[in-house]
């Protein structure tokens, strides 16, 4: 199978470039640990902190989520209660003694 020169370079990156072990030597870029460290500015910290003076704000979506969550829990509890009562009723019906006539 024949490969074009660009395809060969793509699949064999270390064949022609011995500098590939440390790519920052050729381009004078910063090493990864230094480049990955970013200082946050005070404006970004205050915008994303979410709390001021120890108090957090709950928006309308949070309140709606809490209401729907509680409604779901109540609905689920009612369903479980219905299943338990229905099974108990069916078990007591099955255990009744029927006289032989």
C-alpha atoms as a PDB file:
ATOM      1  CA  UNK A   1       0.000   0.000   0.000  1.00  0.00           C
ATOM      2  CA  UNK A   2       1.452   3.357  -1.021  1.00  0.00           C
ATOM      3  CA  UNK A   3       1.225   6.404   1.228  1.00  0.00           C
ATOM      4  CA  UNK A   4       1.651  10.008   0.229  1.00  0.00           C
ATOM      5  CA  UNK A   5       4.534  11.856   1.920  1.00  0.00           C
ATOM      6  CA  UNK A   6       2.151  13.814   4.157  1.00  0.00           C
ATOM      7  CA  UNK A   7       0.368  10.618   5.203  1.00  0.00           C
ATOM      8  CA  UNK A   8       3.716   8.971   5.960  1.00  0.00           C
ATOM      9  CA  UNK A   9       4.744  11.980   8.054  1.00  0.00           C
ATOM     10  CA  UNK A  10       1.412  11.835   9.875  1.00  0.00           C
ATOM     11  CA  UNK A  11       1.765   8.149  10.799  1.00  0.00           C
ATOM     12  CA  UNK A  12       5.524   8.339  11.492  1.00  0.00           C
ATOM     13  CA  UNK A  13       6.085  11.655  13.293  1.00  0.00           C
ATOM     14  CA  UNK A  14       9.425  10.658  14.860  1.00  0.00           C
ATOM     15  CA  UNK A  15      11.058   9.388  11.665  1.00  0.00           C
ATOM     16  CA  UNK A  16      12.404  12.754  10.411  1.00  0.00           C
ATOM     17  CA  UNK A  17      12.129  14.983  13.473  1.00  0.00           C
ATOM     18  CA  UNK A  18      14.340  13.944  16.385  1.00  0.00           C
ATOM     19  CA  UNK A  19      13.212  17.135  18.175  1.00  0.00           C
ATOM     20  CA  UNK A  20       9.750  15.569  18.625  1.00  0.00           C
ATOM     21  CA  UNK A  21      10.708  14.453  22.135  1.00  0.00           C
ATOM     22  CA  UNK A  22      10.599  18.070  23.317  1.00  0.00           C
ATOM     23  CA  UNK A  23       8.511  20.153  20.891  1.00  0.00           C
ATOM     24  CA  UNK A  24       9.054  23.364  22.858  1.00  0.00           C
ATOM     25  CA  UNK A  25      12.733  23.501  21.899  1.00  0.00           C
ATOM     26  CA  UNK A  26      11.964  24.359  18.271  1.00  0.00           C
ATOM     27  CA  UNK A  27       9.061  26.763  18.832  1.00  0.00           C
ATOM     28  CA  UNK A  28      10.119  28.341  22.152  1.00  0.00           C
ATOM     29  CA  UNK A  29       6.726  27.575  23.722  1.00  0.00           C
ATOM     30  CA  UNK A  30       6.332  27.183  27.443  1.00  0.00           C
ATOM     31  CA  UNK A  31       6.351  23.692  28.957  1.00  0.00           C
ATOM     32  CA  UNK A  32       2.975  22.171  29.843  1.00  0.00           C
ATOM     33  CA  UNK A  33       3.052  22.502  33.652  1.00  0.00           C
ATOM     34  CA  UNK A  34       3.789  26.215  33.405  1.00  0.00           C
ATOM     35  CA  UNK A  35       1.251  26.795  30.609  1.00  0.00           C
ATOM     36  CA  UNK A  36      -1.478  24.906  32.460  1.00  0.00           C
ATOM     37  CA  UNK A  37      -1.173  27.087  35.564  1.00  0.00           C
ATOM     38  CA  UNK A  38      -3.480  30.081  35.209  1.00  0.00           C
ATOM     39  CA  UNK A  39      -4.122  32.707  37.822  1.00  0.00           C
ATOM     40  CA  UNK A  40      -7.758  33.706  38.281  1.00  0.00           C
ATOM     41  CA  UNK A  41      -8.560  37.380  38.340  1.00  0.00           C
ATOM     42  CA  UNK A  42     -10.676  38.928  41.073  1.00  0.00           C
ATOM     43  CA  UNK A  43     -13.511  39.650  38.626  1.00  0.00           C
ATOM     44  CA  UNK A  44     -13.824  36.009  37.609  1.00  0.00           C
ATOM     45  CA  UNK A  45     -13.698  34.798  41.191  1.00  0.00           C
ATOM     46  CA  UNK A  46     -16.478  37.104  42.321  1.00  0.00           C
ATOM     47  CA  UNK A  47     -18.675  36.294  39.327  1.00  0.00           C
ATOM     48  CA  UNK A  48     -18.492  32.504  39.752  1.00  0.00           C
ATOM     49  CA  UNK A  49     -18.288  32.247  43.529  1.00  0.00           C
ATOM     50  CA  UNK A  50     -22.074  31.924  44.051  1.00  0.00           C
ATOM     51  CA  UNK A  51     -22.042  33.034  47.656  1.00  0.00           C
ATOM     52  CA  UNK A  52     -21.812  36.412  49.279  1.00  0.00           C
ATOM     53  CA  UNK A  53     -21.405  36.732  53.043  1.00  0.00           C
ATOM     54  CA  UNK A  54     -22.125  33.013  53.463  1.00  0.00           C
ATOM     55  CA  UNK A  55     -25.567  33.198  51.824  1.00  0.00           C
ATOM     56  CA  UNK A  56     -26.417  31.473  48.557  1.00  0.00           C
ATOM     57  CA  UNK A  57     -29.149  32.534  46.184  1.00  0.00           C
ATOM     58  CA  UNK A  58     -31.655  29.994  44.893  1.00  0.00           C
ATOM     59  CA  UNK A  59     -33.263  31.018  41.628  1.00  0.00           C
ATOM     60  CA  UNK A  60     -36.700  30.262  40.265  1.00  0.00           C
ATOM     61  CA  UNK A  61     -35.412  27.135  38.517  1.00  0.00           C
ATOM     62  CA  UNK A  62     -34.057  25.805  41.797  1.00  0.00           C
ATOM     63  CA  UNK A  63     -37.359  26.372  43.557  1.00  0.00           C
ATOM     64  CA  UNK A  64     -39.296  24.694  40.737  1.00  0.00           C
ATOM     65  CA  UNK A  65     -36.859  21.775  40.870  1.00  0.00           C
ATOM     66  CA  UNK A  66     -37.369  21.370  44.603  1.00  0.00           C
ATOM     67  CA  UNK A  67     -41.175  21.479  44.236  1.00  0.00           C
ATOM     68  CA  UNK A  68     -41.182  18.916  41.419  1.00  0.00           C
ATOM     69  CA  UNK A  69     -38.713  16.735  43.326  1.00  0.00           C
ATOM     70  CA  UNK A  70     -40.899  16.708  46.427  1.00  0.00           C
ATOM     71  CA  UNK A  71     -43.976  16.019  44.298  1.00  0.00           C
ATOM     72  CA  UNK A  72     -42.222  13.079  42.665  1.00  0.00           C
ATOM     73  CA  UNK A  73     -41.198  11.663  46.048  1.00  0.00           C
ATOM     74  CA  UNK A  74     -44.791  11.933  47.339  1.00  0.00           C
ATOM     75  CA  UNK A  75     -46.156  10.316  44.163  1.00  0.00           C
ATOM     76  CA  UNK A  76     -43.603   7.506  44.436  1.00  0.00           C
ATOM     77  CA  UNK A  77     -44.448   6.927  48.104  1.00  0.00           C
ATOM     78  CA  UNK A  78     -48.164   6.729  47.253  1.00  0.00           C
ATOM     79  CA  UNK A  79     -47.417   4.152  44.554  1.00  0.00           C
ATOM     80  CA  UNK A  80     -45.339   2.021  46.919  1.00  0.00           C
ATOM     81  CA  UNK A  81     -48.074   2.237  49.578  1.00  0.00           C
ATOM     82  CA  UNK A  82     -50.722   1.157  47.023  1.00  0.00           C
ATOM     83  CA  UNK A  83     -48.648  -1.848  45.935  1.00  0.00           C
ATOM     84  CA  UNK A  84     -48.059  -2.938  49.538  1.00  0.00           C
ATOM     85  CA  UNK A  85     -51.752  -2.641  50.437  1.00  0.00           C
ATOM     86  CA  UNK A  86     -52.839  -4.447  47.257  1.00  0.00           C
ATOM     87  CA  UNK A  87     -50.434  -7.346  47.908  1.00  0.00           C
ATOM     88  CA  UNK A  88     -51.526  -7.628  51.529  1.00  0.00           C
ATOM     89  CA  UNK A  89     -55.177  -7.712  50.452  1.00  0.00           C
ATOM     90  CA  UNK A  90     -54.517 -10.391  47.823  1.00  0.00           C
ATOM     91  CA  UNK A  91     -52.591 -12.508  50.326  1.00  0.00           C
ATOM     92  CA  UNK A  92     -55.404 -12.430  52.881  1.00  0.00           C
ATOM     93  CA  UNK A  93     -57.944 -13.381  50.201  1.00  0.00           C
ATOM     94  CA  UNK A  94     -55.853 -16.335  49.106  1.00  0.00           C
ATOM     95  CA  UNK A  95     -55.512 -17.691  52.677  1.00  0.00           C
ATOM     96  CA  UNK A  96     -59.215 -17.798  53.493  1.00  0.00           C
ATOM     97  CA  UNK A  97     -60.617 -21.239  54.125  1.00  0.00           C
ATOM     98  CA  UNK A  98     -63.428 -22.193  51.807  1.00  0.00           C
ATOM     99  CA  UNK A  99     -65.785 -24.876  53.094  1.00  0.00           C
ATOM    100  CA  UNK A 100     -66.264 -27.974  50.998  1.00  0.00           C
ATOM    101  CA  UNK A 101     -69.883 -28.336  49.999  1.00  0.00           C
END
